[in-house]
Protein backbone atom coordinates (compact mmCIF):
# COMPACT_ATOMS: atom_id res chain seq x y z
CA MET A 1 43.33 82.33 107.07
CA PRO A 2 39.84 81.60 108.38
CA ARG A 3 39.16 78.17 109.88
CA ILE A 4 35.71 78.18 108.28
CA ASP A 5 34.66 78.85 104.69
CA VAL A 6 33.91 82.58 104.81
CA PRO A 7 35.45 85.82 103.55
CA ASP A 8 38.21 87.05 105.87
CA ASP A 9 36.40 90.07 107.24
CA LEU A 10 34.96 91.19 110.55
CA GLY A 11 31.35 90.13 110.10
CA GLY A 12 31.01 87.74 107.18
CA TRP A 13 31.27 84.70 109.43
CA MET A 14 28.04 85.68 111.18
CA ALA A 15 26.15 85.42 107.88
CA LEU A 16 26.31 81.66 108.32
CA ARG A 17 23.80 82.08 111.19
CA PRO A 18 21.64 85.05 110.21
CA ASP A 19 19.05 84.21 112.85
CA MET A 20 21.67 84.46 115.64
CA ALA A 21 23.93 87.25 114.40
CA PRO A 22 21.53 90.09 115.31
CA GLY A 23 22.06 89.27 118.99
CA LEU A 24 25.80 89.84 118.78
CA VAL A 25 25.25 92.94 116.67
CA ALA A 26 22.80 94.30 119.27
CA LEU A 27 25.30 93.70 122.09
CA SER A 28 28.00 95.43 120.06
CA ASP A 29 25.70 98.39 119.38
CA ALA A 30 24.92 98.62 123.11
CA VAL A 31 28.59 98.50 124.12
CA TYR A 32 29.76 101.06 121.59
CA GLY A 33 26.66 103.25 121.57
CA LYS A 34 25.15 103.12 125.03
CA SER A 35 27.97 102.58 127.52
CA LYS A 36 28.15 105.40 130.06
CA LEU A 37 31.73 104.63 131.05
CA PRO A 38 34.34 107.27 130.28
CA LEU A 39 36.05 106.37 127.03
CA ARG A 40 39.49 105.82 128.61
CA VAL A 41 38.02 103.51 131.26
CA GLN A 42 36.23 101.51 128.60
CA GLU A 43 39.23 101.44 126.30
CA ILE A 44 41.81 100.20 128.81
CA ALA A 45 39.49 97.30 129.63
CA ARG A 46 38.90 96.53 125.94
CA MET A 47 42.60 96.61 125.19
CA ARG A 48 43.51 94.43 128.18
CA ILE A 49 41.08 91.79 126.91
CA ALA A 50 42.41 92.20 123.37
CA LEU A 51 45.89 91.40 124.66
CA ALA A 52 44.63 88.37 126.61
CA ASN A 53 42.70 87.11 123.56
CA GLN A 54 45.64 87.79 121.22
CA CYS A 55 43.06 89.15 118.79
CA GLU A 56 44.88 91.18 116.16
CA VAL A 57 41.90 93.19 114.97
CA CYS A 58 41.09 94.11 118.57
CA ARG A 59 44.69 94.96 119.44
CA ASN A 60 44.98 97.25 116.44
CA ALA A 61 41.56 98.91 116.69
CA ARG A 62 41.49 102.54 117.78
CA TYR A 63 38.82 105.11 118.52
CA ALA A 64 38.55 107.99 116.07
CA GLU A 65 38.13 110.35 119.03
CA GLY A 66 40.97 108.65 120.93
CA PRO A 67 43.64 111.33 120.60
CA GLU A 68 41.32 114.04 121.90
CA SER A 69 40.56 111.75 124.89
CA GLY A 70 44.24 111.23 125.66
CA MET A 71 44.42 107.79 124.09
CA ASN A 72 47.69 108.05 122.23
CA GLU A 73 50.22 105.31 121.58
CA ALA A 74 51.66 105.72 125.10
CA PHE A 75 48.20 104.93 126.48
CA TYR A 76 48.09 101.70 124.47
CA ALA A 77 51.73 100.79 125.05
CA GLY A 78 51.21 100.78 128.81
CA VAL A 79 48.15 98.54 128.93
CA ALA A 80 50.12 95.31 129.35
CA GLN A 81 51.80 96.86 132.41
CA TRP A 82 48.72 98.72 133.65
CA ARG A 83 49.69 98.22 137.30
CA THR A 84 52.89 100.26 137.02
CA ALA A 85 52.67 102.21 133.75
CA PRO A 86 52.28 105.96 134.28
CA GLY A 87 49.29 107.97 133.23
CA TYR A 88 46.34 105.82 134.29
CA SER A 89 43.75 106.93 136.84
CA PRO A 90 42.60 104.65 139.68
CA ARG A 91 39.36 103.96 137.76
CA GLU A 92 41.30 103.04 134.63
CA ARG A 93 43.55 100.68 136.59
CA LEU A 94 40.52 99.04 138.21
CA ALA A 95 38.88 98.57 134.81
CA ALA A 96 42.08 96.92 133.53
CA GLU A 97 42.20 94.73 136.62
CA TYR A 98 38.60 93.66 136.11
CA ALA A 99 39.20 92.94 132.41
CA GLU A 100 42.36 90.96 133.14
CA GLY A 101 40.63 88.99 135.87
CA ILE A 102 37.61 88.09 133.80
CA ALA A 103 39.84 87.11 130.87
CA LEU A 104 42.44 85.10 132.77
CA ASP A 105 40.97 83.86 136.06
CA HIS A 106 37.35 84.78 136.58
CA LEU A 107 36.93 82.67 139.73
CA ALA A 108 39.86 84.33 141.45
CA LEU A 109 38.38 87.69 140.47
CA ARG A 110 35.04 86.73 141.97
CA ASP A 111 36.71 85.70 145.24
CA ASN A 112 39.04 88.72 145.52
CA ASP A 113 37.37 90.70 148.31
CA ASP A 114 40.11 93.34 148.26
CA PHE A 115 39.48 94.00 144.57
CA TRP A 116 35.72 94.32 145.07
CA LYS A 117 36.21 96.71 147.96
CA ARG A 118 38.47 98.91 145.82
CA LEU A 119 36.18 98.66 142.78
CA ARG A 120 33.11 99.68 144.77
CA GLN A 121 34.97 102.71 146.13
CA HIS A 122 35.37 104.02 142.56
CA PHE A 123 32.44 102.54 140.59
CA ARG A 124 28.69 102.62 141.18
CA ASP A 125 26.83 99.33 140.70
CA GLU A 126 25.44 100.41 137.32
CA GLU A 127 28.98 101.20 136.16
CA ILE A 128 30.15 97.76 137.26
CA VAL A 129 27.35 96.19 135.22
CA ASP A 130 28.26 98.44 132.27
CA LEU A 131 31.90 97.29 132.50
CA ALA A 132 30.81 93.66 132.84
CA LEU A 133 28.63 93.81 129.73
CA CYS A 134 31.37 95.53 127.73
CA CYS A 135 33.86 92.85 128.78
CA THR A 136 31.32 90.15 127.86
CA LEU A 137 31.33 91.37 124.27
CA TRP A 138 35.08 91.81 123.99
CA LEU A 139 35.99 88.52 125.62
CA GLY A 140 33.47 86.40 123.75
CA ALA A 141 33.57 88.00 120.32
CA GLY A 142 37.33 88.59 120.39
CA ARG A 143 38.11 84.99 121.32
CA THR A 144 35.64 83.68 118.79
CA MET A 145 37.14 85.74 116.00
CA ARG A 146 40.66 84.71 117.02
CA VAL A 147 39.81 81.01 117.20
CA LEU A 148 37.96 81.09 113.87
CA ASP A 149 40.79 83.28 112.55
CA VAL A 150 38.38 85.69 110.89
CA GLY A 151 38.97 89.40 110.45
CA GLN A 152 42.47 89.28 111.91
CA THR A 153 43.91 91.40 109.11
CA CYS A 154 41.12 94.00 109.14
CA SER A 155 41.64 97.55 110.28
CA LEU A 156 39.00 98.95 112.59
CA VAL A 157 38.36 102.56 113.55
CA MET A 158 35.68 102.82 116.22
CA SER A 159 33.52 105.63 117.47
CA ARG A 160 31.09 105.85 120.35
CA ARG A 161 28.47 106.40 117.69
CA GLU A 162 29.48 103.92 114.97
CA ILE A 163 32.11 101.51 113.79
CA GLU A 164 33.89 102.08 110.48
CA LEU A 165 35.82 99.45 108.57
CA ALA A 166 38.99 100.72 106.96
C-alpha cells in the first residue's frame, strides 16, 4: 500500500511533481533506449540492484527479448550468487560486482583498485559510464519506489525500445 496518496502503479506518484517527473522519464528512456551495453550485461546489473533494493516490481520485471538473449529463469536465479553461479561471462560478473558495490558500499567500490583494474580490462570508459548511468536509474528509482511502496504489485515487461505495463 503506497505511503503517499496516489494510485498504486508505476508512474502515478510522479504526477504529484509534473515539473520534475520528465527528468526521471528522460533518464529511463536513455537507459532502456540508448544504452550500448549488451543486454545480459545490463540485465545482471539491474537485477543485482533490484535484489539490493528489495524492489518487487524490479525483481519481477523481465525483458520481452530476454529468452532469445539467454536470459531465462536460471540466469535470474543465479544473480544473488553471481560470483559462483555458472553461466555468466567475465563482463557480466563485473557488471554485477559494480552494481552490488554501488548499491551496498559505494566507497569501498571506489577504493577497490583490484576491481577497477579488472573492470578496465573488460570495459571501455564509455561502457563504464553507460553502466554507471544505468545503475543510477535503477538504484535511485528502485529505492524510491520501494520506500514509497508504489508500483510493487505491478508487472513490467521491458524492451530495449519501450516499456509495457502488464
